[in-house]
Protein backbone atom coordinates (compact mmCIF):
# COMPACT_ATOMS: atom_id res chain seq x y z
CA MET A 1 22.19 -2.88 1.10
CA GLY A 2 20.04 -1.31 3.81
CA LYS A 3 21.32 -1.97 7.30
CA ILE A 4 17.92 -2.69 8.81
CA LEU A 5 15.62 -3.85 6.04
CA GLY A 6 17.94 -4.70 3.17
CA HIS A 7 17.99 -8.44 3.98
CA LEU A 8 14.24 -8.74 3.48
CA LYS A 9 12.79 -9.98 0.15
CA PRO A 10 12.34 -8.69 -2.49
CA SER A 11 15.46 -6.82 -1.66
CA LEU A 12 15.13 -4.05 -4.24
CA ILE A 13 11.83 -2.76 -2.74
CA TRP A 14 13.17 -2.91 0.82
CA GLU A 15 16.39 -1.13 -0.04
CA HIS A 16 14.45 1.71 -1.64
CA PHE A 17 12.01 1.90 1.27
CA GLU A 18 14.82 2.12 3.84
CA GLU A 19 16.46 4.80 1.71
CA ILE A 20 13.13 6.68 1.50
CA CYS A 21 12.93 6.63 5.32
CA LYS A 22 16.20 8.58 5.42
CA HIS A 23 14.72 11.53 3.54
CA PRO A 24 12.33 13.90 5.41
CA ARG A 25 9.07 14.32 3.53
CA PRO A 26 6.32 16.21 5.36
CA SER A 27 3.54 17.48 3.14
CA LYS A 28 4.60 20.64 1.30
CA LYS A 29 8.24 19.93 2.22
CA GLU A 30 9.05 17.04 -0.14
CA GLU A 31 12.12 18.57 -1.81
CA LYS A 32 14.62 16.12 -0.31
CA ILE A 33 12.63 13.01 -1.23
CA ALA A 34 11.83 14.44 -4.66
CA GLU A 35 15.59 14.89 -5.25
CA TYR A 36 16.24 11.33 -4.27
CA VAL A 37 13.53 9.97 -6.63
CA PHE A 38 14.79 12.23 -9.41
CA SER A 39 18.34 10.89 -8.93
CA VAL A 40 17.12 7.29 -9.29
CA GLY A 41 15.73 8.12 -12.73
CA LYS A 42 18.83 9.97 -13.83
CA ARG A 43 21.34 7.32 -12.71
CA ASN A 44 19.34 4.74 -14.70
CA ASN A 45 19.49 6.97 -17.78
CA LEU A 46 15.70 7.28 -17.92
CA GLU A 47 13.70 10.28 -19.10
CA THR A 48 13.16 12.17 -15.85
CA PHE A 49 11.54 15.54 -15.28
CA ARG A 50 9.39 17.59 -12.91
CA ASP A 51 6.22 19.30 -13.93
CA LYS A 52 5.37 22.93 -13.06
CA PHE A 53 3.88 21.86 -9.74
CA GLY A 54 6.94 19.83 -8.81
CA ASN A 55 5.62 16.30 -9.34
CA VAL A 56 8.31 13.91 -10.55
CA ILE A 57 7.74 11.88 -13.77
CA ILE A 58 10.07 9.09 -14.92
CA ARG A 59 9.67 7.08 -18.13
CA LYS A 60 11.06 3.63 -18.78
CA PRO A 61 10.95 2.10 -22.29
CA ALA A 62 9.32 -1.26 -22.93
CA SER A 63 11.39 -4.38 -22.53
CA PRO A 64 12.20 -6.26 -25.79
CA GLY A 65 9.12 -7.76 -27.34
CA TYR A 66 6.67 -5.66 -25.27
CA GLU A 67 6.85 -2.44 -27.34
CA ASN A 68 3.21 -2.86 -28.52
CA ARG A 69 1.72 -3.09 -25.03
CA LYS A 70 -0.40 -0.32 -23.60
CA THR A 71 1.49 2.25 -21.55
CA VAL A 72 1.13 1.98 -17.79
CA VAL A 73 1.66 4.76 -15.23
CA LEU A 74 2.65 3.64 -11.70
CA GLN A 75 1.49 6.31 -9.29
CA GLY A 76 2.12 7.18 -5.67
CA HIS A 77 2.72 10.21 -3.49
CA LEU A 78 5.98 11.41 -1.94
CA ASP A 79 4.72 13.02 1.26
CA MET A 80 3.73 11.36 4.55
CA VAL A 81 1.60 12.16 7.61
CA CYS A 82 3.99 13.24 10.37
CA GLU A 83 2.53 12.06 13.72
CA LYS A 84 4.42 11.15 16.89
CA ASN A 85 3.75 10.12 20.41
CA SER A 86 3.67 13.04 22.85
CA ASP A 87 6.73 11.77 24.71
CA VAL A 88 8.82 11.52 21.54
CA ILE A 89 11.04 14.32 20.28
CA HIS A 90 11.32 14.20 16.53
CA ASP A 91 12.03 16.88 13.90
CA PHE A 92 10.16 15.64 10.83
CA ASP A 93 11.61 18.45 8.69
CA ASN A 94 15.16 17.33 9.23
CA GLU A 95 15.33 13.87 10.87
CA PRO A 96 14.88 10.52 9.16
CA ILE A 97 12.25 7.96 10.11
CA TYR A 98 13.74 5.12 12.21
CA PRO A 99 12.26 1.81 11.04
CA TYR A 100 12.59 -1.42 12.93
CA ILE A 101 11.31 -5.01 12.62
CA ASP A 102 8.79 -6.17 15.19
CA ASN A 103 7.49 -9.73 14.99
CA GLY A 104 6.73 -9.84 11.30
CA TRP A 105 5.98 -6.14 10.91
CA VAL A 106 8.01 -3.02 10.13
CA ARG A 107 7.28 -0.12 12.42
CA ALA A 108 8.88 3.22 13.33
CA LYS A 109 10.28 4.37 16.67
CA GLY A 110 7.51 6.55 18.14
CA THR A 111 6.41 8.12 14.85
CA THR A 112 4.42 7.30 11.75
CA LEU A 113 6.33 4.94 9.45
CA GLY A 114 5.45 6.58 6.20
CA ALA A 115 4.70 3.34 4.43
CA ASP A 116 1.73 5.39 3.28
CA ASN A 117 2.89 5.86 0.56
CA GLY A 118 6.62 5.19 0.87
CA ILE A 119 6.15 1.52 0.01
CA GLY A 120 4.32 2.45 -3.23
CA VAL A 121 7.13 4.79 -4.17
CA ALA A 122 9.70 2.13 -3.35
CA ALA A 123 7.87 -0.40 -5.57
CA SER A 124 7.82 2.05 -8.50
CA LEU A 125 11.55 2.75 -8.08
CA ALA A 126 12.22 -0.95 -7.94
CA VAL A 127 10.35 -1.45 -11.25
CA LEU A 128 12.42 1.31 -12.81
CA GLU A 129 15.68 -0.27 -11.70
CA ASP A 130 14.92 -3.94 -12.27
CA LYS A 131 16.45 -4.85 -15.67
CA ASP A 132 14.92 -8.37 -15.77
CA LEU A 133 11.22 -7.42 -15.72
CA GLN A 134 9.01 -7.92 -18.74
CA HIS A 135 6.70 -4.97 -19.43
CA GLY A 136 5.46 -2.45 -21.95
CA PRO A 137 6.20 1.30 -21.76
CA ILE A 138 6.08 2.62 -18.21
CA GLU A 139 5.61 6.03 -16.68
CA CYS A 140 6.05 6.65 -12.96
CA LEU A 141 4.23 9.60 -11.43
CA PHE A 142 5.36 10.72 -7.97
CA THR A 143 3.02 13.42 -6.67
CA LEU A 144 3.48 16.01 -3.95
CA ASP A 145 1.25 16.98 -1.07
CA GLU A 146 -1.34 14.22 -1.23
CA GLU A 147 -1.96 14.14 2.50
CA THR A 148 -3.04 17.74 2.95
CA GLY A 149 -5.28 18.20 -0.04
CA LEU A 150 -4.11 16.08 -3.01
CA THR A 151 -2.73 19.27 -4.49
CA GLY A 152 0.04 17.55 -6.44
CA ALA A 153 -2.54 15.50 -8.42
CA ALA A 154 -4.64 18.64 -8.73
CA GLY A 155 -1.65 20.46 -10.25
CA LEU A 156 -1.01 17.79 -12.85
CA LYS A 157 -1.72 18.96 -16.41
CA SER A 158 -3.96 16.94 -18.69
CA ASN A 159 -1.25 16.58 -21.33
CA THR A 160 1.64 15.40 -19.10
CA LEU A 161 0.99 11.66 -19.08
CA LYS A 162 0.96 9.33 -22.07
CA ALA A 163 -0.34 6.25 -20.33
CA ASP A 164 -3.52 4.27 -21.07
CA ILE A 165 -3.63 2.56 -17.70
CA LEU A 166 -2.96 3.77 -14.13
CA LEU A 167 -1.87 1.51 -11.27
CA ASN A 168 -2.22 3.46 -8.07
CA LEU A 169 -0.02 1.85 -5.39
CA ASP A 170 -1.57 3.61 -2.42
CA SER A 171 -3.95 0.99 -0.99
CA GLU A 172 -3.35 -0.85 2.30
CA GLU A 173 -4.84 -4.35 2.21
CA GLU A 174 -3.06 -7.18 0.35
CA GLY A 175 -5.58 -9.31 -1.48
CA SER A 176 -7.89 -6.35 -2.25
CA ILE A 177 -8.09 -4.43 -5.50
CA TYR A 178 -9.80 -1.03 -5.25
CA ILE A 179 -11.89 0.46 -8.06
CA GLY A 180 -13.42 3.46 -6.35
CA CYS A 181 -12.88 5.96 -3.53
CA ALA A 182 -14.64 8.72 -1.58
CA GLY A 183 -14.43 12.39 -2.29
CA GLY A 184 -14.03 14.90 0.48
CA LYS A 185 -14.21 18.45 1.82
CA THR A 186 -12.69 20.28 4.82
CA THR A 187 -14.69 22.68 6.96
CA VAL A 188 -12.76 25.30 8.99
CA SER A 189 -14.65 27.16 11.72
CA LYS A 190 -13.30 30.11 13.70
CA PHE A 191 -14.48 31.53 17.00
CA LYS A 192 -13.28 35.03 17.69
CA TYR A 193 -13.03 35.58 21.47
CA LYS A 194 -12.35 38.34 23.94
CA ALA A 195 -9.45 37.86 26.31
CA ASP A 196 -10.54 38.37 29.94
CA LYS A 197 -7.76 39.00 32.46
CA ALA A 198 -7.21 36.01 34.74
CA SER A 199 -7.74 36.60 38.42
CA GLY A 200 -5.62 35.37 41.29
CA LYS A 201 -8.71 33.76 42.85
CA TYR A 202 -8.32 30.90 40.30
CA SER A 203 -6.12 27.83 40.19
CA ALA A 204 -4.88 26.68 36.77
CA PHE A 205 -4.79 23.09 35.57
CA GLU A 206 -3.90 21.33 32.34
CA VAL A 207 -6.41 18.68 31.55
CA LYS A 208 -5.29 16.13 28.96
CA VAL A 209 -6.79 13.22 27.12
CA SER A 210 -4.20 10.93 25.51
CA GLY A 211 -3.35 7.36 24.66
CA LEU A 212 -6.01 6.89 22.00
CA LEU A 213 -5.44 4.81 18.84
CA GLY A 214 -6.28 7.61 16.41
CA GLY A 215 -5.77 6.52 12.81
CA HIS A 216 -6.85 7.48 9.30
CA SER A 217 -10.16 9.35 9.29
CA GLY A 218 -11.29 7.43 6.18
CA LEU A 219 -9.96 3.94 6.80
CA GLU A 220 -10.66 3.65 10.55
CA ILE A 221 -13.62 5.96 11.00
CA HIS A 222 -16.11 3.05 11.07
CA GLN A 223 -14.31 1.30 13.92
CA GLY A 224 -15.71 3.58 16.60
CA ARG A 225 -12.35 4.76 17.91
CA GLY A 226 -12.33 7.49 20.49
CA ASN A 227 -11.95 11.14 19.56
CA ALA A 228 -9.77 12.96 22.07
CA ILE A 229 -11.39 16.34 21.33
CA LYS A 230 -14.86 14.87 21.88
CA ILE A 231 -13.83 13.24 25.13
CA LEU A 232 -12.18 16.41 26.47
CA THR A 233 -15.24 18.44 25.45
CA ARG A 234 -17.49 16.04 27.38
CA LEU A 235 -15.35 16.45 30.49
CA LEU A 236 -15.35 20.22 30.37
CA THR A 237 -19.05 20.44 29.53
CA ASN A 238 -20.12 18.01 32.25
CA TYR A 239 -18.17 19.90 34.90
CA SER A 240 -19.31 23.37 33.73
CA ASN A 241 -22.99 22.35 33.87
CA GLU A 242 -22.91 22.71 37.68
CA ASN A 243 -19.59 24.29 38.51
CA LYS A 244 -17.54 27.38 37.70
CA ILE A 245 -14.72 26.80 35.25
CA ARG A 246 -12.95 29.07 32.78
CA LEU A 247 -11.13 28.02 29.67
CA SER A 248 -7.83 29.69 28.71
CA ARG A 249 -6.67 27.43 25.85
CA ILE A 250 -7.73 24.24 24.08
CA GLU A 251 -5.73 22.21 21.60
CA GLY A 252 -6.21 18.81 20.02
CA GLY A 253 -5.34 16.70 16.96
CA ASN A 254 -2.70 17.41 14.35
CA LYS A 255 -4.04 16.55 10.88
CA HIS A 256 -7.31 17.09 9.07
CA ASN A 257 -7.35 13.45 7.93
CA ALA A 258 -6.48 11.80 11.25
CA ILE A 259 -8.72 10.93 14.18
CA PRO A 260 -7.30 13.01 17.08
CA ARG A 261 -5.36 10.92 19.54
CA GLU A 262 -4.66 13.69 22.09
CA ALA A 263 -6.26 16.89 23.31
CA LEU A 264 -5.62 19.26 26.18
CA ALA A 265 -7.14 22.28 27.78
CA LEU A 266 -5.73 24.90 30.11
CA VAL A 267 -8.54 25.65 32.59
CA LEU A 268 -9.08 27.80 35.65
CA VAL A 269 -11.29 26.90 38.59
CA PRO A 270 -11.89 28.84 41.84
CA LYS A 271 -9.24 27.91 44.37
CA GLU A 272 -11.85 26.66 46.82
CA ASP A 273 -12.95 24.14 44.17
CA ASP A 274 -9.54 22.57 43.57
CA ASN A 275 -10.28 19.26 45.28
CA LYS A 276 -13.77 19.08 43.81
CA PHE A 277 -12.31 19.42 40.28
CA LYS A 278 -9.59 16.85 40.93
CA LYS A 279 -12.14 14.34 42.16
CA PHE A 280 -14.37 15.04 39.19
CA VAL A 281 -11.57 14.45 36.67
CA LYS A 282 -10.59 11.20 38.43
CA LYS A 283 -14.18 9.97 38.40
CA PHE A 284 -14.66 11.02 34.75
CA ASN A 285 -11.43 9.23 33.80
CA ASP A 286 -12.71 6.02 35.43
CA ILE A 287 -16.01 6.31 33.58
CA VAL A 288 -14.60 6.85 30.07
CA LYS A 289 -11.95 4.20 30.55
CA ALA A 290 -14.64 1.72 31.43
CA GLU A 291 -16.75 2.77 28.46
CA ASN A 292 -13.80 2.34 26.09
CA SER A 293 -11.94 -0.52 27.75
CA THR A 294 -12.11 -2.70 24.64
CA SER A 295 -11.85 -0.15 21.82
CA GLU A 296 -9.35 2.22 23.52
CA PRO A 297 -7.35 0.30 26.16
CA GLY A 298 -4.69 3.07 26.34
CA LEU A 299 -7.07 5.92 27.03
CA VAL A 300 -5.84 8.18 29.83
CA GLY A 301 -7.30 11.38 31.26
CA SER A 302 -4.77 13.33 33.28
CA LEU A 303 -4.63 16.51 35.37
CA ALA A 304 -1.65 18.63 36.27
CA ALA A 305 -1.24 21.93 38.09
CA ASN A 306 -0.19 24.81 35.82
CA ALA A 307 1.04 28.36 36.18
CA LEU A 308 -1.78 30.88 36.09
CA PRO A 309 -2.18 32.26 32.52
CA LYS A 310 -2.68 35.95 31.87
CA TYR A 311 -5.96 35.59 30.04
CA MET A 312 -9.13 33.54 29.84
CA ILE A 313 -11.58 33.06 26.95
CA ASP A 314 -14.69 35.16 27.53
CA LYS A 315 -17.68 33.32 29.03
CA ASP A 316 -19.99 33.59 25.97
CA THR A 317 -17.43 32.23 23.55
CA GLN A 318 -16.52 29.43 25.98
CA LYS A 319 -20.17 28.39 26.29
CA ASN A 320 -20.79 28.51 22.53
CA LEU A 321 -17.57 26.66 21.74
CA LEU A 322 -18.29 23.80 24.08
CA LEU A 323 -21.89 23.51 22.89
CA ALA A 324 -20.68 23.33 19.28
CA LEU A 325 -17.95 20.80 19.97
CA TYR A 326 -20.37 18.66 21.95
CA GLY A 327 -23.08 18.86 19.28
CA VAL A 328 -21.12 18.61 16.07
CA PRO A 329 -21.29 15.11 14.55
CA HIS A 330 -18.31 12.86 14.35
CA GLY A 331 -17.97 9.44 12.83
CA VAL A 332 -20.07 7.42 10.35
CA ILE A 333 -23.13 9.18 9.01
CA LYS A 334 -24.19 6.44 6.56
CA MET A 335 -23.04 3.01 5.42
CA SER A 336 -23.31 1.95 1.79
CA TYR A 337 -26.29 -0.15 0.73
CA ASP A 338 -24.58 -1.11 -2.51
CA ILE A 339 -21.17 -2.30 -1.23
CA PRO A 340 -21.41 -4.25 2.06
CA GLY A 341 -19.10 -2.93 4.78
CA LEU A 342 -18.24 0.31 2.98
CA THR A 343 -18.68 3.54 4.84
CA GLU A 344 -20.52 5.82 2.44
CA THR A 345 -20.49 9.12 4.40
CA SER A 346 -18.60 10.30 7.48
CA THR A 347 -17.26 13.36 9.24
CA ASN A 348 -14.21 13.78 11.42
CA LEU A 349 -13.71 16.39 14.15
CA ALA A 350 -10.01 16.63 13.43
CA THR A 351 -8.16 19.52 15.10
CA ILE A 352 -8.62 22.51 17.38
CA THR A 353 -6.13 25.29 18.07
CA THR A 354 -6.09 28.49 20.08
CA ASP A 355 -4.16 31.66 19.25
CA GLU A 356 -4.38 35.24 20.58
CA LYS A 357 -7.63 36.02 18.77
CA TYR A 358 -9.27 32.85 17.47
CA ILE A 359 -10.14 29.30 18.32
CA THR A 360 -9.98 27.34 15.04
CA VAL A 361 -11.74 24.01 14.52
CA VAL A 362 -11.03 21.84 11.49
CA THR A 363 -13.32 19.04 10.42
CA SER A 364 -13.25 16.80 7.33
CA GLN A 365 -16.17 15.24 5.48
CA ARG A 366 -16.03 12.27 3.11
CA SER A 367 -18.51 10.39 0.92
CA SER A 368 -18.65 8.31 -2.24
CA VAL A 369 -21.78 10.25 -3.12
CA ALA A 370 -21.13 13.86 -4.09
CA SER A 371 -24.46 15.19 -2.86
CA GLU A 372 -23.90 13.60 0.57
CA ILE A 373 -20.58 15.39 0.98
CA GLU A 374 -22.43 18.63 0.49
CA ASP A 375 -25.11 17.53 2.97
CA VAL A 376 -22.78 16.56 5.82
CA ALA A 377 -20.59 19.63 5.25
CA ASP A 378 -23.74 21.77 5.54
CA MET A 379 -24.65 19.92 8.77
CA VAL A 380 -21.26 20.74 10.31
CA HIS A 381 -21.33 24.25 8.95
CA SER A 382 -24.78 24.81 10.55
CA VAL A 383 -23.72 23.67 14.02
CA PHE A 384 -20.77 26.04 14.16
CA ASN A 385 -22.69 28.95 12.64
CA LEU A 386 -25.44 28.55 15.23
CA ALA A 387 -22.72 28.84 17.86
CA GLY A 388 -21.43 32.14 16.39
CA ALA A 389 -18.45 30.86 14.54
CA LYS A 390 -17.54 31.76 10.97
CA SER A 391 -17.12 28.67 8.83
CA GLU A 392 -15.64 28.04 5.40
CA VAL A 393 -15.94 24.87 3.37
CA THR A 394 -13.13 24.01 0.93
CA ASP A 395 -13.81 22.96 -2.66
CA GLY A 396 -12.50 19.56 -1.77
CA TYR A 397 -11.62 16.71 -4.10
CA PRO A 398 -13.70 14.37 -6.23
CA GLY A 399 -14.47 10.72 -5.68
CA TRP A 400 -13.53 7.93 -8.10
CA LYS A 401 -16.50 6.12 -9.63
CA PRO A 402 -16.10 2.34 -9.78
CA ASN A 403 -15.88 0.65 -13.17
CA VAL A 404 -16.60 -3.06 -12.76
CA ASN A 405 -15.96 -3.61 -16.49
CA SER A 406 -12.43 -2.23 -16.36
CA GLU A 407 -10.00 -4.08 -18.69
CA ILE A 408 -7.08 -3.76 -16.31
CA LEU A 409 -9.27 -4.94 -13.44
CA GLY A 410 -9.91 -8.12 -15.39
CA VAL A 411 -6.13 -8.56 -15.91
CA ALA A 412 -5.43 -7.95 -12.25
CA LYS A 413 -8.13 -10.41 -11.06
CA ASN A 414 -6.91 -13.20 -13.34
CA THR A 415 -3.29 -12.52 -12.46
CA TYR A 416 -3.98 -12.61 -8.71
CA THR A 417 -6.00 -15.82 -9.01
CA GLN A 418 -3.28 -17.57 -11.03
CA LEU A 419 -0.58 -16.45 -8.66
CA PHE A 420 -2.25 -17.24 -5.31
CA ASN A 421 -5.01 -19.74 -6.18
CA LYS A 422 -7.78 -17.51 -4.85
CA GLU A 423 -9.68 -14.53 -6.08
CA PRO A 424 -8.98 -11.04 -4.80
CA GLU A 425 -11.64 -8.91 -3.17
CA ILE A 426 -12.87 -6.04 -5.30
CA LYS A 427 -13.58 -2.99 -3.19
CA ALA A 428 -14.12 0.73 -2.95
CA ILE A 429 -12.42 2.69 -0.15
CA HIS A 430 -13.70 5.44 2.17
CA ALA A 431 -10.63 7.51 1.73
CA GLY A 432 -9.38 9.97 -0.89
CA LEU A 433 -7.17 8.49 -3.56
CA GLU A 434 -5.56 10.55 -6.26
CA CYS A 435 -7.35 8.42 -8.84
CA GLY A 436 -10.44 10.67 -8.50
CA ILE A 437 -8.53 13.80 -9.46
CA ILE A 438 -6.47 12.12 -12.15
CA SER A 439 -9.52 10.55 -13.75
CA GLU A 440 -11.05 14.00 -14.15
CA LYS A 441 -7.94 15.07 -16.15
CA TYR A 442 -7.66 11.77 -18.01
CA PRO A 443 -11.23 10.45 -18.31
CA ASP A 444 -10.27 7.59 -20.66
CA MET A 445 -7.53 6.22 -18.42
CA ASP A 446 -8.26 2.75 -16.98
CA MET A 447 -7.45 2.58 -13.26
CA ILE A 448 -7.13 0.29 -10.28
CA SER A 449 -5.42 0.62 -6.87
CA PHE A 450 -3.69 -2.03 -4.74
CA GLY A 451 -0.92 -2.41 -2.20
CA PRO A 452 0.48 -4.44 0.66
CA THR A 453 -1.04 -4.66 4.15
CA LEU A 454 -0.67 -1.64 6.44
CA PHE A 455 -2.30 -0.91 9.76
CA GLY A 456 -2.63 2.27 11.78
CA VAL A 457 -1.57 4.67 9.05
CA HIS A 458 -1.59 8.35 10.01
CA SER A 459 -0.68 7.35 13.62
CA PRO A 460 2.49 6.32 15.43
CA ASP A 461 1.03 2.81 15.54
CA GLU A 462 1.50 2.47 11.75
CA LYS A 463 2.94 -0.86 10.76
CA MET A 464 3.58 -2.79 7.52
CA GLU A 465 3.24 -6.56 7.21
CA ILE A 466 6.54 -7.98 5.88
CA SER A 467 4.93 -11.11 4.42
CA SER A 468 2.60 -9.04 2.24
CA ILE A 469 5.41 -7.37 0.32
CA PRO A 470 6.46 -10.32 -1.88
CA LYS A 471 2.84 -10.88 -2.88
CA PHE A 472 2.42 -7.18 -3.63
CA TRP A 473 5.56 -7.26 -5.80
CA ASP A 474 4.55 -10.47 -7.60
CA LEU A 475 1.14 -9.06 -8.37
CA LEU A 476 2.54 -5.73 -9.66
CA THR A 477 5.23 -7.28 -11.87
CA ASN A 478 2.93 -9.91 -13.30
CA ILE A 479 0.20 -7.34 -14.09
CA LEU A 480 2.86 -5.39 -15.98
CA LYS A 481 3.80 -8.55 -17.85
CA ASN A 482 0.15 -9.19 -18.81
CA VAL A 483 -0.90 -5.65 -19.86
CA PRO A 484 -2.99 -5.83 -23.04
CA GLN A 485 -1.71 -4.77 -26.43
CA LYS A 486 -2.59 -1.38 -27.84
């Protein structure tokens, strides 16, 4: 039994989730967790294999009397977003995640918890191991590299699965059943700069914006949370409008699908302007804290003296970069008119990095309407191209078109209502689910997505509601019990 979570109910899910936390699983480095999942299939004498891409597939025969039911595939991804607070030292490649219980929630110590999608994987493993469940034939599909491009699902062959129905276990709101999701693209823009030698007439400072909530760029983009890169750009631009300042380095964000929580810049100002710059940063900090006091109570702008760097970014590139960062859109572009409360189209200014030759800016665009993904990607592309950057837009991933007449949706709705005496909410989600890619390969497969309640995924504030897990488990196992006949 797990030392921390094993006493929680249903115990089989929690034991697997705690075990999953012990296995490092950054995107593209899922070998350790894949080995663990593979071992669960083998020790239960189930058909277990990996496809050419590395996805793990495990098959469990029907329980007695259920052999004539349609085959169901339970699907989730093995990787997790690896984010941590800046004051936390954590090696995601080798260290486990350290979960703990906090007033009805499970959280992690200073890092993302990885309940996205560790809890879906744990539920699938629990189904495979539970000998008392009633169900038809089951396949479990554990994909790789969902968080950085859904490449595991993209690598799946169209003849690998035998299932008629897919239950995606990668949603984050108990009581909601999802039947559609957004597609997306990533736009990468590079500024090539000249390195000017730094002069001793300058003082160097590190300017930092931190303490923001961040979060998933699909699930939380509509909440108006602060973007650390945008705030830092505003500071630098406002000061440079009337004062001399040189930029040596700028960094911010960590993941293409997360709203950046932190950003920093190494800047140089003439020594005689040291106090002026310090006063400006303090005043700016007060202004943005007041503007965001409700939405971002932890926002902090800080300034620290730094050793003088050897080089500065040339003036023209600095000007064009700041103009582009200031002008590029971030946030909701359009809300859906068909589904109340659903973000239809958005863009996220995600990361910025500086190396010896280039400043690289990564943005991500999402929409449930394919043509609108193209439009907003072109919008972002245009801003950076006007500023002299070279931009490339990825092929992206498809959305998942809702099917309100889905047979398994009807089963899930009736099951939920009978179990909990209320109807579930039927929704689409402004995030990329692997259902979109899998449905392209298996166009006749009937699909829904559901899960327990998670908050703050893709950030160190991620937490999972303990009380939602039994309901998630009851819904999953009873849907399996009620799957239609072939």
